[in-house]
Protein backbone atom coordinates (compact mmCIF):
# COMPACT_ATOMS: atom_id res chain seq x y z
CA MET A 1 45.37 51.41 -6.26
CA GLN A 2 42.85 48.61 -5.84
CA SER A 3 43.91 45.09 -4.92
CA PRO A 4 41.96 41.83 -4.64
CA TRP A 5 44.06 40.73 -1.65
CA ILE A 6 43.01 40.92 2.00
CA ALA A 7 46.31 40.96 3.86
CA ASN A 8 46.56 39.93 7.51
CA THR A 9 49.11 41.00 10.07
CA ASP A 10 49.57 41.28 13.83
CA ALA A 11 51.11 43.57 16.43
CA ASP A 12 54.17 41.32 16.80
CA VAL A 13 54.98 41.40 13.08
CA LYS A 14 57.31 43.55 11.00
CA LEU A 15 56.35 43.58 7.33
CA PRO A 16 59.07 43.85 4.65
CA SER A 17 59.12 46.95 2.49
CA ASP A 18 58.19 44.94 -0.63
CA TYR A 19 55.32 43.09 1.07
CA PHE A 20 52.55 44.46 -1.18
CA ASP A 21 54.76 44.25 -4.27
CA ALA A 22 54.82 40.47 -3.84
CA LEU A 23 51.01 40.37 -4.05
CA THR A 24 50.58 42.61 -7.10
CA PRO A 25 51.44 40.05 -9.84
CA LEU A 26 49.26 37.38 -8.20
CA SER A 27 45.89 38.90 -9.04
CA THR A 28 44.15 35.75 -10.19
CA THR A 29 41.03 34.06 -8.93
CA LYS A 30 42.79 30.66 -9.14
CA ILE A 31 44.84 31.50 -6.04
CA ALA A 32 42.73 31.42 -2.90
CA ALA A 33 45.44 32.47 -0.44
CA VAL A 34 49.10 33.36 -0.27
CA ILE A 35 51.45 32.23 2.50
CA PHE A 36 54.49 34.40 3.15
CA PRO A 37 57.62 32.78 4.58
CA PHE A 38 58.51 34.00 8.06
CA THR A 39 61.50 34.48 10.29
CA ALA A 40 61.16 34.43 14.07
CA LEU A 41 63.12 37.33 15.53
CA LEU A 42 64.56 36.73 18.98
CA SER A 43 63.73 39.31 21.61
CA ASP A 44 66.33 40.77 23.98
CA LYS A 45 63.82 40.28 26.79
CA LEU A 46 63.32 36.54 26.19
CA ALA A 47 65.63 33.53 26.29
CA PRO A 48 66.12 32.37 22.69
CA LEU A 49 65.85 28.62 23.22
CA PRO A 50 62.03 28.34 23.67
CA THR A 51 61.37 30.42 20.56
CA LEU A 52 63.86 28.43 18.47
CA LEU A 53 62.40 25.14 19.62
CA TYR A 54 58.84 26.18 18.85
CA ASP A 55 59.93 27.51 15.45
CA PHE A 56 61.53 24.13 14.79
CA SER A 57 58.33 22.28 15.72
CA LEU A 58 56.39 24.33 13.15
CA HIS A 59 58.84 23.54 10.38
CA TYR A 60 59.11 19.90 11.45
CA TYR A 61 55.37 19.36 11.05
CA VAL A 62 54.92 21.21 7.75
CA ASP A 63 58.11 19.77 6.23
CA GLY A 64 56.93 16.33 7.31
CA LEU A 65 53.62 16.88 5.52
CA ALA A 66 55.44 18.07 2.40
CA TRP A 67 57.70 15.01 2.40
CA ALA A 68 54.65 12.76 2.73
CA GLY A 69 53.07 14.44 -0.30
CA SER A 70 50.23 16.21 1.48
CA PRO A 71 48.63 19.11 -0.43
CA TYR A 72 48.09 20.78 2.97
CA SER A 73 51.79 21.31 3.73
CA TYR A 74 51.84 25.00 4.57
CA GLN A 75 52.19 27.09 7.70
CA THR A 76 48.94 28.26 9.28
CA ILE A 77 50.06 31.46 11.00
CA GLY A 78 47.48 34.20 10.56
CA SER A 79 49.96 37.05 10.12
CA THR A 80 51.58 35.31 7.13
CA ILE A 81 48.34 34.97 5.15
CA ALA A 82 46.81 37.07 2.38
CA VAL A 83 43.43 35.96 1.02
CA HIS A 84 41.83 36.70 -2.35
CA PHE A 85 38.55 38.53 -1.72
CA ASN A 86 36.50 36.21 -3.94
CA HIS A 87 37.63 33.14 -2.03
CA TYR A 88 37.28 34.97 1.27
CA ALA A 89 33.62 35.52 0.45
CA GLN A 90 33.15 31.90 -0.63
CA VAL A 91 34.25 30.60 2.79
CA ARG A 92 32.44 33.44 4.63
CA GLY A 93 35.57 34.87 6.18
CA PHE A 94 37.39 33.82 9.30
CA PRO A 95 35.46 31.43 11.54
CA LYS A 96 34.48 32.72 14.98
CA ARG A 97 36.89 30.75 17.13
CA ALA A 98 38.96 31.52 20.21
CA ALA A 99 42.05 30.16 18.44
CA ALA A 100 43.22 28.35 15.28
CA GLU A 101 40.94 30.43 13.07
CA ASP A 102 43.87 30.74 10.63
CA PHE A 103 44.13 26.93 10.37
CA TYR A 104 40.42 26.54 9.70
CA ILE A 105 40.11 29.28 7.10
CA LEU A 106 43.05 27.90 5.14
CA ASN A 107 41.52 24.44 5.33
CA LYS A 108 38.39 25.84 3.68
CA LEU A 109 40.27 28.00 1.19
CA ALA A 110 42.30 25.01 -0.02
CA LYS A 111 39.05 23.61 -1.40
CA THR A 112 38.21 26.74 -3.41
CA GLY A 113 41.61 27.43 -4.99
CA GLU A 114 45.38 27.18 -4.73
CA ILE A 115 47.26 27.95 -1.50
CA LYS A 116 50.42 29.52 -2.89
CA LYS A 117 53.59 29.46 -0.78
CA LEU A 118 55.90 32.37 -1.57
CA LYS A 119 59.68 32.03 -1.25
CA HIS A 120 60.16 35.72 -0.46
CA PRO A 121 59.89 38.26 1.05
CA HIS A 122 60.08 37.07 4.64
CA ILE A 123 57.82 38.40 7.37
CA ASN A 124 59.54 39.01 10.69
CA ILE A 125 57.64 37.70 13.72
CA ILE A 126 58.95 38.95 17.06
CA ALA A 127 59.24 36.31 19.79
CA ARG A 128 56.80 36.71 22.68
CA HIS A 129 55.15 35.01 25.61
CA SER A 130 51.38 35.20 25.75
CA ASP A 131 48.36 33.60 27.35
CA ARG A 132 45.80 35.60 25.36
CA VAL A 133 44.58 32.47 23.54
CA PRO A 134 44.32 28.86 24.79
CA PHE A 135 46.92 27.54 22.35
CA GLY A 136 49.24 28.78 19.63
CA THR A 137 52.57 30.55 19.45
CA GLY A 138 52.42 32.60 22.65
CA PRO A 139 51.26 29.83 25.02
CA ALA A 140 53.61 27.29 23.43
CA VAL A 141 56.65 29.53 23.85
CA SER A 142 55.62 30.34 27.43
CA LYS A 143 55.29 26.63 28.25
CA LEU A 144 58.73 25.87 26.85
CA ALA A 145 60.23 28.82 28.74
CA GLN A 146 58.86 27.44 32.01
CA ALA A 147 59.96 23.85 31.36
CA ASP A 148 62.81 22.37 33.38
CA ASN A 149 64.14 20.76 30.22
CA PRO A 150 63.05 22.62 27.06
CA LEU A 151 64.96 20.17 24.86
CA ALA A 152 62.46 17.51 25.92
CA MET A 153 59.89 19.28 23.75
CA PRO A 154 57.66 16.53 22.27
CA LEU A 155 57.57 15.96 18.53
CA TYR A 156 55.33 13.73 16.48
CA HIS A 157 57.07 10.44 15.81
CA PRO A 158 58.66 10.70 12.33
CA ASP A 159 56.99 7.45 11.31
CA CYS A 160 53.68 9.33 11.47
CA PHE A 161 54.73 11.08 8.27
CA LEU A 162 55.91 7.82 6.75
CA TYR A 163 52.49 6.25 7.30
CA LEU A 164 50.85 9.41 5.98
CA LYS A 165 52.95 9.00 2.84
CA TYR A 166 51.72 5.42 2.48
CA PHE A 167 48.11 6.43 3.12
CA LEU A 168 48.22 9.17 0.48
CA GLN A 169 49.84 6.79 -2.02
CA LEU A 170 47.08 4.31 -1.27
CA GLN A 171 44.44 6.93 -2.00
CA THR A 172 46.10 7.87 -5.31
CA SER A 173 46.34 4.23 -6.33
CA LEU A 174 42.68 3.59 -5.53
CA CYS A 175 41.56 6.65 -7.51
CA GLN A 176 43.35 5.28 -10.58
CA ALA A 177 41.26 2.10 -10.57
CA GLU A 178 38.43 1.65 -13.09
CA ASN A 179 35.91 0.99 -10.33
CA PHE A 180 35.78 0.65 -6.59
CA ALA A 181 34.92 -2.27 -4.35
CA GLN A 182 35.61 -2.79 -0.64
CA ASP A 183 38.22 -5.47 -1.42
CA ASN A 184 40.21 -2.93 -3.45
CA ILE A 185 41.58 -1.30 -0.30
CA GLN A 186 43.27 -4.47 0.98
CA LEU A 187 44.51 -5.35 -2.49
CA HIS A 188 46.08 -1.94 -3.06
CA CYS A 189 47.57 -1.92 0.47
CA GLN A 190 49.32 -5.20 -0.28
CA ARG A 191 50.63 -3.90 -3.59
CA LEU A 192 52.23 -0.95 -1.83
CA PHE A 193 54.40 -3.48 0.02
CA ASN A 194 55.01 -6.01 -2.74
CA ASP A 195 51.89 -8.10 -2.08
CA GLN A 196 52.66 -8.77 1.58
CA THR A 197 49.44 -9.89 3.26
CA ASN A 198 50.24 -9.55 6.94
CA SER A 199 52.97 -6.93 7.33
CA PRO A 200 52.73 -4.33 10.13
CA GLN A 201 52.50 -1.57 7.51
CA VAL A 202 49.59 -3.23 5.70
CA ASN A 203 47.75 -3.88 8.95
CA THR A 204 48.21 -0.30 10.13
CA LEU A 205 46.95 1.11 6.82
CA LEU A 206 43.92 -1.18 6.87
CA LEU A 207 43.11 -0.04 10.41
CA ALA A 208 43.51 3.58 9.34
CA ALA A 209 41.25 3.03 6.33
CA GLU A 210 38.60 1.60 8.62
CA GLN A 211 39.01 4.31 11.25
CA PHE A 212 38.67 7.14 8.72
CA LYS A 213 35.95 5.42 6.64
CA LEU A 214 38.02 5.47 3.46
CA ALA A 215 35.66 3.04 1.71
CA ALA A 216 32.67 5.37 2.09
CA ALA A 217 34.75 8.32 0.88
CA LEU A 218 35.95 6.39 -2.17
CA SER A 219 32.43 5.22 -3.00
CA HIS A 220 31.32 8.86 -3.05
CA CYS A 221 34.35 9.92 -5.12
CA PHE A 222 33.65 7.28 -7.78
CA LYS A 223 30.05 8.49 -8.02
CA GLN A 224 31.11 12.14 -8.35
CA GLY A 225 34.29 11.82 -10.41
CA ALA A 226 34.41 10.25 -13.88
CA THR A 227 38.21 10.51 -14.17
CA PRO A 228 41.11 9.64 -11.86
CA ALA A 229 41.96 13.35 -11.61
CA ALA A 230 38.43 14.27 -10.55
CA ARG A 231 38.29 11.44 -8.04
CA THR A 232 41.67 12.45 -6.62
CA GLN A 233 40.50 16.03 -6.14
CA HIS A 234 37.34 14.87 -4.37
CA LEU A 235 39.40 12.65 -2.09
CA GLN A 236 41.87 15.46 -1.34
CA HIS A 237 38.99 17.68 -0.28
CA TRP A 238 37.71 14.89 1.95
CA PHE A 239 41.10 14.06 3.49
CA ASP A 240 41.81 17.71 4.22
CA GLY A 241 44.22 19.44 6.59
CA PHE A 242 42.02 18.72 9.60
CA LYS A 243 41.68 15.01 8.80
CA THR A 244 45.42 14.90 8.15
CA LEU A 245 46.07 16.23 11.65
CA LYS A 246 43.58 13.71 13.08
CA PHE A 247 45.41 10.96 11.18
CA ILE A 248 48.71 12.00 12.76
CA HIS A 249 47.07 12.07 16.20
CA TRP A 250 45.49 8.67 15.62
CA LEU A 251 48.90 7.16 14.85
CA ARG A 252 50.35 8.87 17.91
CA ASP A 253 47.65 7.50 20.18
CA GLN A 254 47.46 4.02 18.63
CA GLN A 255 51.09 2.97 18.52
CA LEU A 256 53.78 5.56 17.83
CA GLY A 257 53.61 7.98 20.76
CA MET A 258 55.87 11.03 20.74
CA LEU A 259 59.63 11.59 20.72
CA ASN A 260 61.32 14.40 22.56
CA PHE A 261 63.47 16.72 20.51
CA GLN A 262 66.80 15.65 22.02
CA TYR A 263 66.11 11.95 21.44
CA TRP A 264 64.96 12.63 17.89
CA LEU A 265 68.13 14.62 17.20
CA GLU A 266 70.36 11.80 18.43
CA HIS A 267 68.45 9.12 16.48
CA GLN A 268 67.09 10.95 13.43
CA GLN A 269 69.23 8.90 11.03
CA GLU A 270 67.13 5.86 11.98
CA TYR A 271 64.02 7.38 10.42
CA ALA A 272 62.97 7.96 6.84
CA LEU A 273 61.93 11.58 7.37
CA PRO A 274 64.78 13.79 6.08
CA ILE A 275 66.06 16.99 7.66
CA THR A 276 65.31 20.02 5.49
CA ALA A 277 67.55 23.07 5.17
CA ALA A 278 65.19 25.09 7.39
CA MET A 279 65.24 22.39 10.07
CA GLN A 280 69.04 22.11 9.90
CA SER A 281 69.47 25.85 10.32
CA LEU A 282 67.26 25.86 13.40
CA ILE A 283 69.04 22.83 14.86
CA LYS A 284 72.34 24.72 14.71
CA GLN A 285 70.79 27.73 16.45
CA ILE A 286 69.19 25.51 19.11
CA GLN A 287 72.46 23.72 19.78
CA SER A 288 74.29 27.01 20.06
CA SER A 289 71.69 28.42 22.44
CA ALA A 290 71.72 25.27 24.60
CA ALA A 291 75.50 24.86 24.58
CA ALA A 292 75.98 26.50 27.96
CA LYS A 293 73.29 24.36 29.63
CA PRO A 294 73.76 20.94 31.29
CA VAL A 295 73.43 17.78 29.21
CA PHE A 296 69.81 16.67 29.15
CA SER A 297 68.39 13.16 29.24
CA SER A 298 67.42 11.80 25.83
CA THR A 299 64.73 9.40 27.03
CA PRO A 300 61.80 9.17 24.61
CA THR A 301 58.64 10.84 25.79
CA SER A 302 55.44 8.83 26.01
CA ASN A 303 52.04 9.70 24.64
CA ASN A 304 50.44 8.61 27.91
């Protein structure tokens, strides 16, 4: 039987019996790639806490993107990806990188078609330590396993996702305008916050717009797109998954820093970012795994 899907897996993965059945009805050139949900299986040879914490960090980031309204809110784990061969050819396959090649190919594929997130079946990824690549699952789990206080694992400040939500809303609002001028950015920023002219949120968004050259991007979008929908698509391709990550890092470095997991857990009700069902399930497992350990300090971590 022929299939248009190029499925990817790894040595630490157990595929479900209906793995290929899930791909069969998706034979359409509109879908560039499919993302399977995954479950991290704990190994008898490894302490569970590092794996659970790292798993949480993955969900925290992607769920934060989804809450903010980002079209790039999907996991970028190579062994959970299947790529349509037409789109694979359009982006010339996986980039030659020492790591994060899965992130970069999905970032390209998102501009050629839909990235479809399946709800089932789940792929089982076996927990492991590894230093084969400079960063990623193996090194991250190893680092947490060696930490004196794994619960101090740093997380992006939840307000990063709140500002991302504002920034994406700003882009949508600007694309709806009949024309674009430099002054539009400040005007639309103020409207997001009920015409406030000097609020911290407005000032941060204006700085972000300048840092990421939003005006130049919008000028190009208005030249290329005759409708709000076309302009929005152009802007989404410009502000892609990589720029989204750079935006989060810019906020971290400029003002927000990082929070450690324990502090975030104790103070999460103070932030707008909600806890998803996947995050809540992992929190319970983390608390259970850490229950026999001493109480850790909940001091916020710094980005310095």
